Amino acid sequence: MTPEEWQEQQEAIRDKFVENLIERISEDPYPSTTMLDLIEQSMGLNHVEQYAQALMDKIEQDQYPSLALIDRVRALL
């Protein structure tokens, strides 16, 4: 396997991993800090919009949204 092929394989795995985690936090009313941290540490630029939207959905659905979630969105700006 060439270095380029290895890099492509790693990116594909990372994409699936991050997308799976984003889907999980979208379904969880109170996603764990650990899962949010894993997403932020692993995501690429192509995941920022999807992740931000998942967080914004959480904020919009809650009458008293978590300040931690608000701070995470603000950090993406």
PDB file of N, CA and C in Angstrom:
ATOM      1  N   MET A   1       0.848  -1.170   0.000  1.00  0.00           N
ATOM      2  CA  MET A   1       0.000   0.000   0.000  1.00  0.00           C
ATOM      3  C   MET A   1       0.897   1.238   0.000  1.00  0.00           C
ATOM      4  N   THR A   2       0.590   2.154  -0.881  1.00  0.00           N
ATOM      5  CA  THR A   2       1.382   3.379  -0.962  1.00  0.00           C
ATOM      6  C   THR A   2       0.989   4.323   0.177  1.00  0.00           C
ATOM      7  N   PRO A   3       1.854   5.280   0.484  1.00  0.00           N
ATOM      8  CA  PRO A   3       1.494   6.262   1.528  1.00  0.00           C
ATOM      9  C   PRO A   3       0.207   7.025   1.197  1.00  0.00           C
ATOM     10  N   GLU A   4      -0.009   7.292  -0.085  1.00  0.00           N
ATOM     11  CA  GLU A   4      -1.223   8.007  -0.490  1.00  0.00           C
ATOM     12  C   GLU A   4      -2.466   7.149  -0.247  1.00  0.00           C
ATOM     13  N   GLU A   5      -2.357   5.860  -0.554  1.00  0.00           N
ATOM     14  CA  GLU A   5      -3.482   4.952  -0.329  1.00  0.00           C
ATOM     15  C   GLU A   5      -3.768   4.809   1.167  1.00  0.00           C
ATOM     16  N   TRP A   6      -2.704   4.739   1.947  1.00  0.00           N
ATOM     17  CA  TRP A   6      -2.852   4.650   3.403  1.00  0.00           C
ATOM     18  C   TRP A   6      -3.546   5.893   3.944  1.00  0.00           C
ATOM     19  N   GLN A   7      -3.148   7.047   3.452  1.00  0.00           N
ATOM     20  CA  GLN A   7      -3.756   8.304   3.886  1.00  0.00           C
ATOM     21  C   GLN A   7      -5.233   8.352   3.502  1.00  0.00           C
ATOM     22  N   GLU A   8      -5.567   7.917   2.302  1.00  0.00           N
ATOM     23  CA  GLU A   8      -6.962   7.888   1.869  1.00  0.00           C
ATOM     24  C   GLU A   8      -7.785   6.944   2.742  1.00  0.00           C
ATOM     25  N   GLN A   9      -7.195   5.796   3.091  1.00  0.00           N
ATOM     26  CA  GLN A   9      -7.896   4.845   3.937  1.00  0.00           C
ATOM     27  C   GLN A   9      -8.130   5.432   5.332  1.00  0.00           C
ATOM     28  N   GLN A  10      -7.136   6.099   5.872  1.00  0.00           N
ATOM     29  CA  GLN A  10      -7.283   6.735   7.181  1.00  0.00           C
ATOM     30  C   GLN A  10      -8.378   7.800   7.147  1.00  0.00           C
ATOM     31  N   GLU A  11      -8.401   8.600   6.087  1.00  0.00           N
ATOM     32  CA  GLU A  11      -9.421   9.642   5.968  1.00  0.00           C
ATOM     33  C   GLU A  11     -10.816   9.047   5.866  1.00  0.00           C
ATOM     34  N   ALA A  12     -10.960   7.947   5.144  1.00  0.00           N
ATOM     35  CA  ALA A  12     -12.257   7.282   5.015  1.00  0.00           C
ATOM     36  C   ALA A  12     -12.726   6.747   6.373  1.00  0.00           C
ATOM     37  N   ILE A  13     -11.813   6.164   7.126  1.00  0.00           N
ATOM     38  CA  ILE A  13     -12.146   5.643   8.450  1.00  0.00           C
ATOM     39  C   ILE A  13     -12.530   6.794   9.372  1.00  0.00           C
ATOM     40  N   ARG A  14     -11.750   7.866   9.335  1.00  0.00           N
ATOM     41  CA  ARG A  14     -12.048   9.035  10.175  1.00  0.00           C
ATOM     42  C   ARG A  14     -13.418   9.604   9.831  1.00  0.00           C
ATOM     43  N   ASP A  15     -13.722   9.712   8.535  1.00  0.00           N
ATOM     44  CA  ASP A  15     -15.021  10.238   8.120  1.00  0.00           C
ATOM     45  C   ASP A  15     -16.164   9.401   8.677  1.00  0.00           C
ATOM     46  N   LYS A  16     -16.070   8.092   8.548  1.00  0.00           N
ATOM     47  CA  LYS A  16     -17.115   7.205   9.061  1.00  0.00           C
ATOM     48  C   LYS A  16     -17.230   7.315  10.576  1.00  0.00           C
ATOM     49  N   PHE A  17     -16.096   7.369  11.257  1.00  0.00           N
ATOM     50  CA  PHE A  17     -16.061   7.475  12.716  1.00  0.00           C
ATOM     51  C   PHE A  17     -16.753   8.756  13.179  1.00  0.00           C
ATOM     52  N   VAL A  18     -16.361   9.885  12.606  1.00  0.00           N
ATOM     53  CA  VAL A  18     -16.914  11.174  13.019  1.00  0.00           C
ATOM     54  C   VAL A  18     -18.401  11.262  12.659  1.00  0.00           C
ATOM     55  N   GLU A  19     -18.769  10.806  11.478  1.00  0.00           N
ATOM     56  CA  GLU A  19     -20.170  10.860  11.077  1.00  0.00           C
ATOM     57  C   GLU A  19     -21.038   9.993  11.985  1.00  0.00           C
ATOM     58  N   ASN A  20     -20.519   8.845  12.399  1.00  0.00           N
ATOM     59  CA  ASN A  20     -21.247   7.984  13.330  1.00  0.00           C
ATOM     60  C   ASN A  20     -21.440   8.685  14.668  1.00  0.00           C
ATOM     61  N   LEU A  21     -20.396   9.323  15.164  1.00  0.00           N
ATOM     62  CA  LEU A  21     -20.513  10.031  16.446  1.00  0.00           C
ATOM     63  C   LEU A  21     -21.476  11.210  16.349  1.00  0.00           C
ATOM     64  N   ILE A  22     -21.436  11.943  15.249  1.00  0.00           N
ATOM     65  CA  ILE A  22     -22.359  13.071  15.078  1.00  0.00           C
ATOM     66  C   ILE A  22     -23.796  12.566  15.047  1.00  0.00           C
ATOM     67  N   GLU A  23     -24.021  11.453  14.369  1.00  0.00           N
ATOM     68  CA  GLU A  23     -25.364  10.863  14.335  1.00  0.00           C
ATOM     69  C   GLU A  23     -25.816  10.477  15.745  1.00  0.00           C
ATOM     70  N   ARG A  24     -24.912   9.913  16.517  1.00  0.00           N
ATOM     71  CA  ARG A  24     -25.248   9.500  17.884  1.00  0.00           C
ATOM     72  C   ARG A  24     -25.585  10.703  18.775  1.00  0.00           C
ATOM     73  N   ILE A  25     -24.804  11.777  18.669  1.00  0.00           N
ATOM     74  CA  ILE A  25     -25.124  12.941  19.519  1.00  0.00           C
ATOM     75  C   ILE A  25     -26.414  13.608  19.062  1.00  0.00           C
ATOM     76  N   SER A  26     -26.738  13.481  17.784  1.00  0.00           N
ATOM     77  CA  SER A  26     -27.990  14.041  17.279  1.00  0.00           C
ATOM     78  C   SER A  26     -29.193  13.344  17.899  1.00  0.00           C
ATOM     79  N   GLU A  27     -29.055  12.061  18.162  1.00  0.00           N
ATOM     80  CA  GLU A  27     -30.149  11.269  18.712  1.00  0.00           C
ATOM     81  C   GLU A  27     -30.201  11.306  20.240  1.00  0.00           C
ATOM     82  N   ASP A  28     -29.117  11.675  20.875  1.00  0.00           N
ATOM     83  CA  ASP A  28     -29.034  11.670  22.335  1.00  0.00           C
ATOM     84  C   ASP A  28     -29.440  13.038  22.881  1.00  0.00           C
ATOM     85  N   PRO A  29     -30.432  13.095  23.769  1.00  0.00           N
ATOM     86  CA  PRO A  29     -30.841  14.397  24.296  1.00  0.00           C
ATOM     87  C   PRO A  29     -29.732  15.104  25.083  1.00  0.00           C
ATOM     88  N   TYR A  30     -28.869  14.323  25.720  1.00  0.00           N
ATOM     89  CA  TYR A  30     -27.780  14.892  26.506  1.00  0.00           C
ATOM     90  C   TYR A  30     -26.477  14.169  26.165  1.00  0.00           C
ATOM     91  N   PRO A  31     -25.871  14.538  25.031  1.00  0.00           N
ATOM     92  CA  PRO A  31     -24.638  13.841  24.619  1.00  0.00           C
ATOM     93  C   PRO A  31     -23.510  14.061  25.623  1.00  0.00           C
ATOM     94  N   SER A  32     -22.678  13.055  25.737  1.00  0.00           N
ATOM     95  CA  SER A  32     -21.593  13.121  26.715  1.00  0.00           C
ATOM     96  C   SER A  32     -20.486  14.062  26.259  1.00  0.00           C
ATOM     97  N   THR A  33     -19.848  14.656  27.226  1.00  0.00           N
ATOM     98  CA  THR A  33     -18.707  15.526  26.963  1.00  0.00           C
ATOM     99  C   THR A  33     -17.605  14.747  26.265  1.00  0.00           C
ATOM    100  N   THR A  34     -17.418  13.516  26.661  1.00  0.00           N
ATOM    101  CA  THR A  34     -16.379  12.678  26.042  1.00  0.00           C
ATOM    102  C   THR A  34     -16.642  12.494  24.558  1.00  0.00           C
ATOM    103  N   MET A  35     -17.892  12.221  24.189  1.00  0.00           N
ATOM    104  CA  MET A  35     -18.215  12.026  22.779  1.00  0.00           C
ATOM    105  C   MET A  35     -18.022  13.330  21.992  1.00  0.00           C
ATOM    106  N   LEU A  36     -18.435  14.441  22.571  1.00  0.00           N
ATOM    107  CA  LEU A  36     -18.244  15.740  21.914  1.00  0.00           C
ATOM    108  C   LEU A  36     -16.754  16.038  21.739  1.00  0.00           C
ATOM    109  N   ASP A  37     -15.963  15.735  22.755  1.00  0.00           N
ATOM    110  CA  ASP A  37     -14.518  15.940  22.663  1.00  0.00           C
ATOM    111  C   ASP A  37     -13.911  15.085  21.557  1.00  0.00           C
ATOM    112  N   LEU A  38     -14.346  13.826  21.463  1.00  0.00           N
ATOM    113  CA  LEU A  38     -13.830  12.935  20.420  1.00  0.00           C
ATOM    114  C   LEU A  38     -14.138  13.473  19.027  1.00  0.00           C
ATOM    115  N   ILE A  39     -15.336  13.980  18.849  1.00  0.00           N
ATOM    116  CA  ILE A  39     -15.696  14.560  17.548  1.00  0.00           C
ATOM    117  C   ILE A  39     -14.780  15.732  17.233  1.00  0.00           C
ATOM    118  N   GLU A  40     -14.636  16.638  18.185  1.00  0.00           N
ATOM    119  CA  GLU A  40     -13.835  17.840  17.953  1.00  0.00           C
ATOM    120  C   GLU A  40     -12.366  17.513  17.693  1.00  0.00           C
ATOM    121  N   GLN A  41     -11.860  16.478  18.322  1.00  0.00           N
ATOM    122  CA  GLN A  41     -10.467  16.093  18.115  1.00  0.00           C
ATOM    123  C   GLN A  41     -10.258  15.384  16.787  1.00  0.00           C
ATOM    124  N   SER A  42     -11.298  14.753  16.261  1.00  0.00           N
ATOM    125  CA  SER A  42     -11.151  13.922  15.077  1.00  0.00           C
ATOM    126  C   SER A  42     -11.691  14.533  13.791  1.00  0.00           C
ATOM    127  N   MET A  43     -12.589  15.500  13.897  1.00  0.00           N
ATOM    128  CA  MET A  43     -13.265  15.988  12.700  1.00  0.00           C
ATOM    129  C   MET A  43     -12.344  16.802  11.805  1.00  0.00           C
ATOM    130  N   GLY A  44     -12.685  16.746  10.522  1.00  0.00           N
ATOM    131  CA  GLY A  44     -12.007  17.571   9.537  1.00  0.00           C
ATOM    132  C   GLY A  44     -12.904  18.741   9.170  1.00  0.00           C
ATOM    133  N   LEU A  45     -12.427  19.594   8.311  1.00  0.00           N
ATOM    134  CA  LEU A  45     -13.215  20.762   7.901  1.00  0.00           C
ATOM    135  C   LEU A  45     -14.552  20.367   7.285  1.00  0.00           C
ATOM    136  N   ASN A  46     -14.576  19.202   6.643  1.00  0.00           N
ATOM    137  CA  ASN A  46     -15.812  18.765   6.001  1.00  0.00           C
ATOM    138  C   ASN A  46     -16.893  18.346   7.007  1.00  0.00           C
ATOM    139  N   HIS A  47     -16.555  18.248   8.294  1.00  0.00           N
ATOM    140  CA  HIS A  47     -17.525  17.862   9.314  1.00  0.00           C
ATOM    141  C   HIS A  47     -18.025  19.045  10.135  1.00  0.00           C
ATOM    142  N   VAL A  48     -17.404  20.182  10.012  1.00  0.00           N
ATOM    143  CA  VAL A  48     -17.722  21.319  10.893  1.00  0.00           C
ATOM    144  C   VAL A  48     -19.190  21.721  10.774  1.00  0.00           C
ATOM    145  N   GLU A  49     -19.691  21.847   9.558  1.00  0.00           N
ATOM    146  CA  GLU A  49     -21.072  22.286   9.380  1.00  0.00           C
ATOM    147  C   GLU A  49     -22.060  21.265   9.956  1.00  0.00           C
ATOM    148  N   GLN A  50     -21.820  19.995   9.709  1.00  0.00           N
ATOM    149  CA  GLN A  50     -22.701  18.938  10.218  1.00  0.00           C
ATOM    150  C   GLN A  50     -22.688  18.916  11.748  1.00  0.00           C
ATOM    151  N   TYR A  51     -21.509  19.054  12.334  1.00  0.00           N
ATOM    152  CA  TYR A  51     -21.373  19.068  13.790  1.00  0.00           C
ATOM    153  C   TYR A  51     -22.049  20.303  14.385  1.00  0.00           C
ATOM    154  N   ALA A  52     -21.801  21.459  13.803  1.00  0.00           N
ATOM    155  CA  ALA A  52     -22.403  22.697  14.293  1.00  0.00           C
ATOM    156  C   ALA A  52     -23.926  22.617  14.224  1.00  0.00           C
ATOM    157  N   GLN A  53     -24.448  22.041  13.152  1.00  0.00           N
ATOM    158  CA  GLN A  53     -25.901  21.912  13.014  1.00  0.00           C
ATOM    159  C   GLN A  53     -26.471  20.986  14.079  1.00  0.00           C
ATOM    160  N   ALA A  54     -25.779  19.899  14.370  1.00  0.00           N
ATOM    161  CA  ALA A  54     -26.236  18.981  15.418  1.00  0.00           C
ATOM    162  C   ALA A  54     -26.288  19.698  16.772  1.00  0.00           C
ATOM    163  N   LEU A  55     -25.271  20.507  17.063  1.00  0.00           N
ATOM    164  CA  LEU A  55     -25.257  21.259  18.321  1.00  0.00           C
ATOM    165  C   LEU A  55     -26.351  22.319  18.340  1.00  0.00           C
ATOM    166  N   MET A  56     -26.520  23.028  17.223  1.00  0.00           N
ATOM    167  CA  MET A  56     -27.556  24.064  17.144  1.00  0.00           C
ATOM    168  C   MET A  56     -28.948  23.464  17.325  1.00  0.00           C
ATOM    169  N   ASP A  57     -29.164  22.291  16.765  1.00  0.00           N
ATOM    170  CA  ASP A  57     -30.453  21.618  16.950  1.00  0.00           C
ATOM    171  C   ASP A  57     -30.710  21.349  18.424  1.00  0.00           C
ATOM    172  N   LYS A  58     -29.682  20.911  19.143  1.00  0.00           N
ATOM    173  CA  LYS A  58     -29.812  20.660  20.582  1.00  0.00           C
ATOM    174  C   LYS A  58     -30.162  21.953  21.327  1.00  0.00           C
ATOM    175  N   ILE A  59     -29.476  23.019  20.978  1.00  0.00           N
ATOM    176  CA  ILE A  59     -29.692  24.308  21.634  1.00  0.00           C
ATOM    177  C   ILE A  59     -31.112  24.812  21.367  1.00  0.00           C
ATOM    178  N   GLU A  60     -31.563  24.685  20.120  1.00  0.00           N
ATOM    179  CA  GLU A  60     -32.898  25.162  19.747  1.00  0.00           C
ATOM    180  C   GLU A  60     -34.019  24.349  20.399  1.00  0.00           C
ATOM    181  N   GLN A  61     -33.791  23.074  20.648  1.00  0.00           N
ATOM    182  CA  GLN A  61     -34.821  22.193  21.199  1.00  0.00           C
ATOM    183  C   GLN A  61     -34.997  22.356  22.702  1.00  0.00           C
ATOM    184  N   ASP A  62     -34.036  22.934  23.370  1.00  0.00           N
ATOM    185  CA  ASP A  62     -34.049  23.005  24.830  1.00  0.00           C
ATOM    186  C   ASP A  62     -34.455  24.401  25.295  1.00  0.00           C
ATOM    187  N   GLN A  63     -35.408  24.453  26.198  1.00  0.00           N
ATOM    188  CA  GLN A  63     -35.834  25.750  26.726  1.00  0.00           C
ATOM    189  C   GLN A  63     -34.688  26.447  27.461  1.00  0.00           C
ATOM    190  N   TYR A  64     -33.882  25.667  28.155  1.00  0.00           N
ATOM    191  CA  TYR A  64     -32.724  26.189  28.875  1.00  0.00           C
ATOM    192  C   TYR A  64     -31.483  25.459  28.362  1.00  0.00           C
ATOM    193  N   PRO A  65     -30.962  25.893  27.233  1.00  0.00           N
ATOM    194  CA  PRO A  65     -29.845  25.154  26.613  1.00  0.00           C
ATOM    195  C   PRO A  65     -28.578  25.193  27.458  1.00  0.00           C
ATOM    196  N   SER A  66     -27.815  24.157  27.285  1.00  0.00           N
ATOM    197  CA  SER A  66     -26.553  24.016  27.992  1.00  0.00           C
ATOM    198  C   SER A  66     -25.565  25.089  27.549  1.00  0.00           C
ATOM    199  N   LEU A  67     -24.981  25.783  28.513  1.00  0.00           N
ATOM    200  CA  LEU A  67     -23.963  26.780  28.184  1.00  0.00           C
ATOM    201  C   LEU A  67     -22.732  26.119  27.575  1.00  0.00           C
ATOM    202  N   ALA A  68     -22.471  24.884  27.962  1.00  0.00           N
ATOM    203  CA  ALA A  68     -21.340  24.159  27.390  1.00  0.00           C
ATOM    204  C   ALA A  68     -21.545  23.931  25.894  1.00  0.00           C
ATOM    205  N   LEU A  69     -22.770  23.598  25.483  1.00  0.00           N
ATOM    206  CA  LEU A  69     -23.052  23.423  24.050  1.00  0.00           C
ATOM    207  C   LEU A  69     -22.944  24.751  23.308  1.00  0.00           C
ATOM    208  N   ILE A  70     -23.442  25.799  23.926  1.00  0.00           N
ATOM    209  CA  ILE A  70     -23.347  27.127  23.318  1.00  0.00           C
ATOM    210  C   ILE A  70     -21.879  27.506  23.134  1.00  0.00           C
ATOM    211  N   ASP A  71     -21.064  27.250  24.132  1.00  0.00           N
ATOM    212  CA  ASP A  71     -19.630  27.542  24.037  1.00  0.00           C
ATOM    213  C   ASP A  71     -18.961  26.727  22.936  1.00  0.00           C
ATOM    214  N   ARG A  72     -19.386  25.492  22.750  1.00  0.00           N
ATOM    215  CA  ARG A  72     -18.800  24.659  21.693  1.00  0.00           C
ATOM    216  C   ARG A  72     -19.133  25.223  20.312  1.00  0.00           C
ATOM    217  N   VAL A  73     -20.350  25.696  20.133  1.00  0.00           N
ATOM    218  CA  VAL A  73     -20.715  26.312  18.851  1.00  0.00           C
ATOM    219  C   VAL A  73     -19.926  27.588  18.656  1.00  0.00           C
ATOM    220  N   ARG A  74     -19.837  28.401  19.694  1.00  0.00           N
ATOM    221  CA  ARG A  74     -19.093  29.653  19.604  1.00  0.00           C
ATOM    222  C   ARG A  74     -17.631  29.395  19.224  1.00  0.00           C
ATOM    223  N   ALA A  75     -17.055  28.317  19.717  1.00  0.00           N
ATOM    224  CA  ALA A  75     -15.658  27.988  19.413  1.00  0.00           C
ATOM    225  C   ALA A  75     -15.463  27.625  17.952  1.00  0.00           C
ATOM    226  N   LEU A  76     -16.535  27.243  17.280  1.00  0.00           N
ATOM    227  CA  LEU A  76     -16.446  26.904  15.841  1.00  0.00           C
ATOM    228  C   LEU A  76     -16.493  28.138  14.955  1.00  0.00           C
ATOM    229  N   LEU A  77     -16.861  29.267  15.521  1.00  0.00           N
ATOM    230  CA  LEU A  77     -17.002  30.506  14.720  1.00  0.00           C
ATOM    231  C   LEU A  77     -15.656  31.094  14.363  1.00  0.00           C
TER     232      LEU A  77
END
